[in-house]
Amino acid sequence: MKKSLFLILGFLALTFPILAQELVPEEMPNEILTLKKGNIPAPVIKAAEQLFEGNSQIAWGVFPYELKNYGWVVNSEYNEPIDHYEIQFKGKDGSDIFAVFESTGELISSRIIHKNAPVPPAIMKSIENSEYKDWEIASDLILIKNTQKKVVEHYAVKLTKVNMKKTLYFTTKGDVLINK
């Protein structure tokens, strides 16, 4: 009996970390080294205050990722100290805002998660005219703006059908960019 109990406890101890992990979508990195506001470079804080005026800064951190085509990847080849900083805001309208800056204060990317926001008409029309017309919109609308090199603004819409999930990325005009 004791052997069985130890085997069960051992199995649970080994599998609990796996079961306890929260699934995080690919496009949203899940590691950030949290810092105090005073440890963020002054140009980053100043740019954040100007660009997101009126929104409340609630978290600050170092961001160990590089922006690639419509997504972030861990920068394992980076030989210098990480110089990207993320600031999280609570928007005046209740939205969650995540902004990534260079140490100089240049905005690299922002992601705004609009709570219970309607999907823009052009995107709804695109979904209705696609193979996903009978799928349901599963979460809040995400507006992503990448500003490195040129400004690219697009939306991420998560869809579900029974136990299947899809994330579609659209231009502001409703054209599909990526289907994950």
C-alpha atoms as a PDB file:
ATOM      1  CA  MET A   1       0.000   0.000   0.000  1.00  0.00           C
ATOM      2  CA  LYS A   2       2.845   2.382   0.906  1.00  0.00           C
ATOM      3  CA  LYS A   3       4.563   1.597  -2.398  1.00  0.00           C
ATOM      4  CA  SER A   4       1.411   2.464  -4.340  1.00  0.00           C
ATOM      5  CA  LEU A   5       0.987   5.694  -2.425  1.00  0.00           C
ATOM      6  CA  PHE A   6       4.607   6.695  -3.118  1.00  0.00           C
ATOM      7  CA  LEU A   7       4.223   5.836  -6.807  1.00  0.00           C
ATOM      8  CA  ILE A   8       1.072   7.944  -7.080  1.00  0.00           C
ATOM      9  CA  LEU A   9       2.656  10.875  -5.217  1.00  0.00           C
ATOM     10  CA  GLY A  10       5.791  10.607  -7.351  1.00  0.00           C
ATOM     11  CA  PHE A  11       3.734  10.596 -10.546  1.00  0.00           C
ATOM     12  CA  LEU A  12       1.747  13.651  -9.402  1.00  0.00           C
ATOM     13  CA  ALA A  13       4.918  15.497  -8.396  1.00  0.00           C
ATOM     14  CA  LEU A  14       6.395  14.929 -11.859  1.00  0.00           C
ATOM     15  CA  THR A  15       3.271  15.786 -13.851  1.00  0.00           C
ATOM     16  CA  PHE A  16       1.882  18.671 -11.780  1.00  0.00           C
ATOM     17  CA  PRO A  17       4.220  21.314 -13.294  1.00  0.00           C
ATOM     18  CA  ILE A  18       3.144  20.221 -16.765  1.00  0.00           C
ATOM     19  CA  LEU A  19      -0.548  20.309 -15.899  1.00  0.00           C
ATOM     20  CA  ALA A  20      -0.234  23.618 -14.067  1.00  0.00           C
ATOM     21  CA  GLN A  21       1.332  25.494 -16.988  1.00  0.00           C
ATOM     22  CA  GLU A  22      -0.967  28.025 -18.568  1.00  0.00           C
ATOM     23  CA  LEU A  23      -1.159  27.793 -22.332  1.00  0.00           C
ATOM     24  CA  VAL A  24       0.092  31.035 -23.858  1.00  0.00           C
ATOM     25  CA  PRO A  25      -0.586  31.868 -27.508  1.00  0.00           C
ATOM     26  CA  GLU A  26       2.465  31.999 -29.791  1.00  0.00           C
ATOM     27  CA  GLU A  27       2.109  35.671 -30.552  1.00  0.00           C
ATOM     28  CA  MET A  28       2.255  36.642 -26.871  1.00  0.00           C
ATOM     29  CA  PRO A  29       5.619  35.976 -25.229  1.00  0.00           C
ATOM     30  CA  ASN A  30       5.269  34.719 -21.690  1.00  0.00           C
ATOM     31  CA  GLU A  31       8.622  35.630 -20.164  1.00  0.00           C
ATOM     32  CA  ILE A  32       9.478  39.075 -18.982  1.00  0.00           C
ATOM     33  CA  LEU A  33      11.936  40.107 -16.313  1.00  0.00           C
ATOM     34  CA  THR A  34       9.957  42.447 -14.084  1.00  0.00           C
ATOM     35  CA  LEU A  35      11.681  45.654 -13.071  1.00  0.00           C
ATOM     36  CA  LYS A  36      10.799  48.678 -10.995  1.00  0.00           C
ATOM     37  CA  LYS A  37       9.890  51.814 -12.902  1.00  0.00           C
ATOM     38  CA  GLY A  38      13.133  53.446 -11.701  1.00  0.00           C
ATOM     39  CA  ASN A  39      15.176  50.774 -13.500  1.00  0.00           C
ATOM     40  CA  ILE A  40      13.682  51.566 -16.903  1.00  0.00           C
ATOM     41  CA  PRO A  41      15.697  54.076 -19.002  1.00  0.00           C
ATOM     42  CA  ALA A  42      14.323  57.630 -18.781  1.00  0.00           C
ATOM     43  CA  PRO A  43      13.774  57.906 -22.587  1.00  0.00           C
ATOM     44  CA  VAL A  44      11.509  54.815 -22.444  1.00  0.00           C
ATOM     45  CA  ILE A  45       9.406  56.217 -19.583  1.00  0.00           C
ATOM     46  CA  LYS A  46       9.133  59.611 -21.308  1.00  0.00           C
ATOM     47  CA  ALA A  47       8.082  58.056 -24.648  1.00  0.00           C
ATOM     48  CA  ALA A  48       5.549  55.816 -22.901  1.00  0.00           C
ATOM     49  CA  GLU A  49       4.004  58.763 -21.080  1.00  0.00           C
ATOM     50  CA  GLN A  50       3.730  60.754 -24.323  1.00  0.00           C
ATOM     51  CA  LEU A  51       2.492  57.972 -26.614  1.00  0.00           C
ATOM     52  CA  PHE A  52       0.012  56.460 -24.158  1.00  0.00           C
ATOM     53  CA  GLU A  53      -1.006  59.621 -22.334  1.00  0.00           C
ATOM     54  CA  GLY A  54      -3.874  59.162 -19.901  1.00  0.00           C
ATOM     55  CA  ASN A  55      -3.381  55.393 -19.561  1.00  0.00           C
ATOM     56  CA  SER A  56      -1.990  53.984 -16.305  1.00  0.00           C
ATOM     57  CA  GLN A  57       1.419  52.298 -16.338  1.00  0.00           C
ATOM     58  CA  ILE A  58       1.121  49.172 -14.177  1.00  0.00           C
ATOM     59  CA  ALA A  59       4.180  46.989 -14.945  1.00  0.00           C
ATOM     60  CA  TRP A  60       7.677  47.388 -16.380  1.00  0.00           C
ATOM     61  CA  GLY A  61      10.246  44.887 -17.545  1.00  0.00           C
ATOM     62  CA  VAL A  62      13.058  43.773 -19.830  1.00  0.00           C
ATOM     63  CA  PHE A  63      11.819  42.071 -22.983  1.00  0.00           C
ATOM     64  CA  PRO A  64      14.163  39.310 -24.321  1.00  0.00           C
ATOM     65  CA  TYR A  65      12.549  38.899 -27.745  1.00  0.00           C
ATOM     66  CA  GLU A  66      13.034  40.103 -31.303  1.00  0.00           C
ATOM     67  CA  LEU A  67      10.167  40.992 -33.588  1.00  0.00           C
ATOM     68  CA  LYS A  68       9.987  38.748 -36.632  1.00  0.00           C
ATOM     69  CA  ASN A  69       7.260  38.460 -39.276  1.00  0.00           C
ATOM     70  CA  TYR A  70       4.072  38.970 -37.242  1.00  0.00           C
ATOM     71  CA  GLY A  71       5.425  37.462 -34.056  1.00  0.00           C
ATOM     72  CA  TRP A  72       8.065  37.531 -31.347  1.00  0.00           C
ATOM     73  CA  VAL A  73      10.863  35.002 -30.947  1.00  0.00           C
ATOM     74  CA  VAL A  74      13.469  34.578 -28.227  1.00  0.00           C
ATOM     75  CA  ASN A  75      16.659  36.235 -29.386  1.00  0.00           C
ATOM     76  CA  SER A  76      19.165  33.492 -28.572  1.00  0.00           C
ATOM     77  CA  GLU A  77      21.889  34.971 -30.797  1.00  0.00           C
ATOM     78  CA  TYR A  78      21.982  38.317 -29.029  1.00  0.00           C
ATOM     79  CA  ASN A  79      25.481  38.841 -27.603  1.00  0.00           C
ATOM     80  CA  GLU A  80      24.828  42.192 -25.943  1.00  0.00           C
ATOM     81  CA  PRO A  81      22.634  43.057 -22.970  1.00  0.00           C
ATOM     82  CA  ILE A  82      18.937  43.060 -23.794  1.00  0.00           C
ATOM     83  CA  ASP A  83      17.816  46.578 -24.591  1.00  0.00           C
ATOM     84  CA  HIS A  84      14.083  46.116 -25.172  1.00  0.00           C
ATOM     85  CA  TYR A  85      11.670  47.170 -22.476  1.00  0.00           C
ATOM     86  CA  GLU A  86       7.988  46.405 -22.122  1.00  0.00           C
ATOM     87  CA  ILE A  87       5.525  48.581 -20.280  1.00  0.00           C
ATOM     88  CA  GLN A  88       2.040  47.348 -19.502  1.00  0.00           C
ATOM     89  CA  PHE A  89      -0.785  49.848 -19.219  1.00  0.00           C
ATOM     90  CA  LYS A  90      -4.402  49.742 -18.176  1.00  0.00           C
ATOM     91  CA  GLY A  91      -6.280  51.762 -20.769  1.00  0.00           C
ATOM     92  CA  LYS A  92      -8.838  54.434 -19.924  1.00  0.00           C
ATOM     93  CA  ASP A  93     -11.436  52.240 -21.648  1.00  0.00           C
ATOM     94  CA  GLY A  94     -10.444  49.096 -19.699  1.00  0.00           C
ATOM     95  CA  SER A  95      -8.210  47.695 -22.437  1.00  0.00           C
ATOM     96  CA  ASP A  96      -4.867  46.065 -21.690  1.00  0.00           C
ATOM     97  CA  ILE A  97      -1.951  47.673 -23.511  1.00  0.00           C
ATOM     98  CA  PHE A  98       1.515  46.186 -23.923  1.00  0.00           C
ATOM     99  CA  ALA A  99       4.188  48.394 -25.514  1.00  0.00           C
ATOM    100  CA  VAL A 100       7.762  47.364 -26.343  1.00  0.00           C
ATOM    101  CA  PHE A 101      10.451  50.048 -26.631  1.00  0.00           C
ATOM    102  CA  GLU A 102      14.112  50.293 -27.575  1.00  0.00           C
ATOM    103  CA  SER A 103      16.266  51.708 -24.767  1.00  0.00           C
ATOM    104  CA  THR A 104      16.282  54.990 -26.716  1.00  0.00           C
ATOM    105  CA  GLY A 105      12.512  55.338 -26.288  1.00  0.00           C
ATOM    106  CA  GLU A 106      11.634  54.287 -29.840  1.00  0.00           C
ATOM    107  CA  LEU A 107       8.375  52.316 -29.890  1.00  0.00           C
ATOM    108  CA  ILE A 108       8.891  48.905 -31.513  1.00  0.00           C
ATOM    109  CA  SER A 109       5.475  47.382 -31.108  1.00  0.00           C
ATOM    110  CA  SER A 110       2.242  47.740 -29.206  1.00  0.00           C
ATOM    111  CA  ARG A 111      -0.564  45.326 -28.585  1.00  0.00           C
ATOM    112  CA  ILE A 112      -3.944  46.566 -27.380  1.00  0.00           C
ATOM    113  CA  ILE A 113      -6.437  44.015 -26.140  1.00  0.00           C
ATOM    114  CA  HIS A 114      -9.864  45.614 -26.462  1.00  0.00           C
ATOM    115  CA  LYS A 115     -12.341  44.114 -24.007  1.00  0.00           C
ATOM    116  CA  ASN A 116     -15.715  43.200 -25.560  1.00  0.00           C
ATOM    117  CA  ALA A 117     -15.016  45.400 -28.582  1.00  0.00           C
ATOM    118  CA  PRO A 118     -16.889  44.839 -31.823  1.00  0.00           C
ATOM    119  CA  VAL A 119     -14.864  43.387 -34.667  1.00  0.00           C
ATOM    120  CA  PRO A 120     -14.413  46.012 -37.415  1.00  0.00           C
ATOM    121  CA  PRO A 121     -16.937  45.581 -40.269  1.00  0.00           C
ATOM    122  CA  ALA A 122     -14.288  44.861 -42.916  1.00  0.00           C
ATOM    123  CA  ILE A 123     -12.906  41.988 -40.825  1.00  0.00           C
ATOM    124  CA  MET A 124     -16.391  40.616 -40.039  1.00  0.00           C
ATOM    125  CA  LYS A 125     -17.175  40.623 -43.767  1.00  0.00           C
ATOM    126  CA  SER A 126     -13.932  38.777 -44.497  1.00  0.00           C
ATOM    127  CA  ILE A 127     -14.740  36.126 -41.862  1.00  0.00           C
ATOM    128  CA  GLU A 128     -18.326  35.764 -43.141  1.00  0.00           C
ATOM    129  CA  ASN A 129     -17.018  35.187 -46.685  1.00  0.00           C
ATOM    130  CA  SER A 130     -14.427  32.607 -45.637  1.00  0.00           C
ATOM    131  CA  GLU A 131     -14.312  28.980 -44.599  1.00  0.00           C
ATOM    132  CA  TYR A 132     -14.629  30.226 -40.991  1.00  0.00           C
ATOM    133  CA  LYS A 133     -18.094  31.757 -41.406  1.00  0.00           C
ATOM    134  CA  ASP A 134     -19.623  29.262 -38.951  1.00  0.00           C
ATOM    135  CA  TRP A 135     -16.877  29.716 -36.326  1.00  0.00           C
ATOM    136  CA  GLU A 136     -17.351  31.878 -33.219  1.00  0.00           C
ATOM    137  CA  ILE A 137     -15.197  34.785 -32.136  1.00  0.00           C
ATOM    138  CA  ALA A 138     -13.586  33.473 -28.975  1.00  0.00           C
ATOM    139  CA  SER A 139     -11.866  36.380 -27.269  1.00  0.00           C
ATOM    140  CA  ASP A 140     -11.280  40.074 -27.115  1.00  0.00           C
ATOM    141  CA  LEU A 141     -10.101  41.938 -30.218  1.00  0.00           C
ATOM    142  CA  ILE A 142      -6.331  42.489 -30.387  1.00  0.00           C
ATOM    143  CA  LEU A 143      -4.908  45.462 -32.289  1.00  0.00           C
ATOM    144  CA  ILE A 144      -1.195  45.041 -33.015  1.00  0.00           C
ATOM    145  CA  LYS A 145       1.001  47.840 -34.290  1.00  0.00           C
ATOM    146  CA  ASN A 146       4.588  47.140 -35.331  1.00  0.00           C
ATOM    147  CA  THR A 147       6.596  50.296 -35.863  1.00  0.00           C
ATOM    148  CA  GLN A 148      10.070  49.072 -36.750  1.00  0.00           C
ATOM    149  CA  LYS A 149      11.103  50.066 -40.273  1.00  0.00           C
ATOM    150  CA  LYS A 150       7.517  50.978 -41.205  1.00  0.00           C
ATOM    151  CA  VAL A 151       4.229  51.120 -39.366  1.00  0.00           C
ATOM    152  CA  VAL A 152       2.172  47.971 -39.842  1.00  0.00           C
ATOM    153  CA  GLU A 153      -1.133  47.834 -38.051  1.00  0.00           C
ATOM    154  CA  HIS A 154      -3.170  44.653 -38.000  1.00  0.00           C
ATOM    155  CA  TYR A 155      -5.723  42.755 -35.923  1.00  0.00           C
ATOM    156  CA  ALA A 156      -5.651  39.299 -34.369  1.00  0.00           C
ATOM    157  CA  VAL A 157      -9.000  37.535 -34.048  1.00  0.00           C
ATOM    158  CA  LYS A 158      -9.306  34.208 -32.248  1.00  0.00           C
ATOM    159  CA  LEU A 159     -11.985  31.839 -33.515  1.00  0.00           C
ATOM    160  CA  THR A 160     -13.346  28.560 -32.153  1.00  0.00           C
ATOM    161  CA  LYS A 161     -15.529  25.771 -33.442  1.00  0.00           C
ATOM    162  CA  VAL A 162     -16.292  22.810 -31.188  1.00  0.00           C
ATOM    163  CA  ASN A 163     -12.782  22.001 -29.855  1.00  0.00           C
ATOM    164  CA  MET A 164     -10.808  23.613 -32.700  1.00  0.00           C
ATOM    165  CA  LYS A 165      -9.074  26.991 -32.396  1.00  0.00           C
ATOM    166  CA  LYS A 166      -7.690  29.396 -34.994  1.00  0.00           C
ATOM    167  CA  THR A 167      -6.080  32.798 -34.860  1.00  0.00           C
ATOM    168  CA  LEU A 168      -6.514  34.914 -37.957  1.00  0.00           C
ATOM    169  CA  TYR A 169      -4.545  38.078 -38.592  1.00  0.00           C
ATOM    170  CA  PHE A 170      -6.132  40.805 -40.702  1.00  0.00           C
ATOM    171  CA  THR A 171      -5.091  44.118 -42.160  1.00  0.00           C
ATOM    172  CA  THR A 172      -7.208  47.084 -41.124  1.00  0.00           C
ATOM    173  CA  LYS A 173      -8.982  46.687 -44.493  1.00  0.00           C
ATOM    174  CA  GLY A 174     -10.016  43.095 -43.691  1.00  0.00           C
ATOM    175  CA  ASP A 175      -7.484  41.203 -45.816  1.00  0.00           C
ATOM    176  CA  VAL A 176      -6.182  37.991 -44.222  1.00  0.00           C
ATOM    177  CA  LEU A 177      -2.459  38.176 -43.397  1.00  0.00           C
ATOM    178  CA  ILE A 178      -1.851  34.927 -41.527  1.00  0.00           C
ATOM    179  CA  ASN A 179      -3.964  31.950 -40.565  1.00  0.00           C
ATOM    180  CA  LYS A 180      -2.583  30.054 -37.539  1.00  0.00           C
END
